[in-house]
């Protein structure tokens, strides 16, 4: 049961991060100190996930982190520490989402049984 909790907490933190940065167009709209701590915690949590779990959640993780990157890169620049931490969550072979609005996956609960 604890494994499910760990996955949930990681996913919730990354999803909340994406939601917080979405639509922010100026650094002044962001609490950079909190985001640096938050991104460090997300990176650490991901590193602690079993490799099997990382592989299983890689696509949605890549999409969520990628949309957060699309929101933040224009504001912070590609070399910012927060950006680099998010890149550490990405699968190298996958392209980033086209934008912060790129939601191309049908939700599991909307699929036919």
Protein backbone atom coordinates (compact mmCIF):
# COMPACT_ATOMS: atom_id res chain seq x y z
CA UNK A 1 0.00 0.00 0.00
CA UNK A 2 2.87 2.36 0.77
CA UNK A 3 4.08 2.06 -2.85
CA UNK A 4 0.81 3.55 -4.07
CA UNK A 5 1.08 6.40 -1.61
CA UNK A 6 4.62 7.21 -2.78
CA UNK A 7 3.51 7.29 -6.42
CA UNK A 8 0.48 9.41 -5.55
CA UNK A 9 2.55 11.91 -3.58
CA UNK A 10 5.07 12.25 -6.42
CA UNK A 11 2.35 12.69 -9.05
CA UNK A 12 0.38 15.14 -6.91
CA UNK A 13 3.46 17.26 -6.27
CA UNK A 14 4.45 17.37 -9.95
CA UNK A 15 0.88 18.10 -11.03
CA UNK A 16 0.48 20.86 -8.46
CA UNK A 17 3.81 22.33 -9.60
CA UNK A 18 2.61 22.36 -13.20
CA UNK A 19 -0.64 24.03 -12.15
CA UNK A 20 1.17 26.68 -10.10
CA UNK A 21 3.49 27.75 -12.93
CA UNK A 22 0.86 27.58 -15.68
CA UNK A 23 0.14 30.95 -17.23
CA UNK A 24 2.80 32.84 -15.31
CA UNK A 25 4.50 35.22 -17.74
CA UNK A 26 6.82 37.10 -15.38
CA UNK A 27 9.28 35.95 -12.75
CA UNK A 28 7.64 38.37 -10.32
CA UNK A 29 4.51 36.21 -10.45
CA UNK A 30 6.48 33.25 -9.10
CA UNK A 31 7.82 32.47 -5.64
CA UNK A 32 11.24 31.36 -6.89
CA UNK A 33 12.49 30.33 -3.46
CA UNK A 34 9.51 28.01 -3.02
CA UNK A 35 9.84 26.70 -6.58
CA UNK A 36 13.52 25.91 -6.07
CA UNK A 37 12.67 23.89 -2.96
CA UNK A 38 9.65 22.29 -4.63
CA UNK A 39 11.60 21.30 -7.76
CA UNK A 40 14.39 19.84 -5.59
CA UNK A 41 11.84 17.74 -3.71
CA UNK A 42 10.25 16.53 -6.96
CA UNK A 43 13.66 15.61 -8.37
CA UNK A 44 14.58 13.72 -5.17
CA UNK A 45 11.24 11.93 -5.07
CA UNK A 46 11.63 10.82 -8.69
CA UNK A 47 15.14 9.54 -7.99
CA UNK A 48 13.79 7.45 -5.09
CA UNK A 49 11.16 5.73 -7.21
CA UNK A 50 12.01 2.21 -8.31
CA UNK A 51 13.29 2.08 -11.89
CA UNK A 52 10.29 -0.08 -12.80
CA UNK A 53 7.94 2.59 -11.47
CA UNK A 54 9.86 5.33 -13.30
CA UNK A 55 9.44 3.42 -16.56
CA UNK A 56 5.74 2.80 -15.91
CA UNK A 57 4.95 6.48 -15.26
CA UNK A 58 7.47 8.01 -17.67
CA UNK A 59 5.00 9.14 -20.33
CA UNK A 60 2.65 11.09 -18.04
CA UNK A 61 5.63 12.36 -16.02
CA UNK A 62 7.28 13.56 -19.24
CA UNK A 63 4.10 15.28 -20.39
CA UNK A 64 3.46 16.98 -17.04
CA UNK A 65 7.08 18.10 -16.52
CA UNK A 66 7.23 19.13 -20.18
CA UNK A 67 4.18 21.38 -19.88
CA UNK A 68 5.71 22.96 -16.76
CA UNK A 69 8.91 23.54 -18.74
CA UNK A 70 6.92 25.18 -21.54
CA UNK A 71 5.47 27.56 -18.95
CA UNK A 72 8.75 28.32 -17.19
CA UNK A 73 11.45 28.40 -19.87
CA UNK A 74 10.30 31.68 -21.42
CA UNK A 75 10.27 33.25 -17.95
CA UNK A 76 13.41 31.78 -16.35
CA UNK A 77 15.57 30.72 -19.29
CA UNK A 78 16.87 27.27 -20.16
CA UNK A 79 19.85 27.40 -17.79
CA UNK A 80 17.92 28.11 -14.58
CA UNK A 81 18.30 25.49 -11.83
CA UNK A 82 14.54 24.85 -11.70
CA UNK A 83 14.50 24.16 -15.44
CA UNK A 84 17.43 21.77 -15.18
CA UNK A 85 15.71 19.85 -12.41
CA UNK A 86 12.62 19.41 -14.55
CA UNK A 87 14.73 18.21 -17.47
CA UNK A 88 16.07 15.48 -15.18
CA UNK A 89 12.56 13.98 -15.13
CA UNK A 90 12.28 13.70 -18.90
CA UNK A 91 12.78 10.75 -21.19
CA UNK A 92 15.53 11.77 -23.57
CA UNK A 93 13.88 10.32 -26.65
CA UNK A 94 10.50 11.97 -26.24
CA UNK A 95 9.78 15.42 -27.66
CA UNK A 96 8.47 18.04 -25.26
CA UNK A 97 4.80 18.93 -25.44
CA UNK A 98 4.24 21.69 -27.99
CA UNK A 99 2.99 24.10 -25.36
CA UNK A 100 1.86 24.38 -21.76
CA UNK A 101 -1.64 23.68 -23.12
CA UNK A 102 -0.75 20.41 -24.89
CA UNK A 103 -3.02 17.79 -23.38
CA UNK A 104 -3.09 15.00 -25.94
CA UNK A 105 -3.82 11.95 -23.84
CA UNK A 106 -7.28 10.60 -23.23
CA UNK A 107 -7.81 10.18 -19.50
CA UNK A 108 -7.90 6.58 -18.28
CA UNK A 109 -11.32 7.06 -16.71
CA UNK A 110 -12.80 8.19 -20.05
CA UNK A 111 -11.70 5.09 -21.94
CA UNK A 112 -14.06 2.34 -22.94
CA UNK A 113 -14.01 -0.56 -20.46
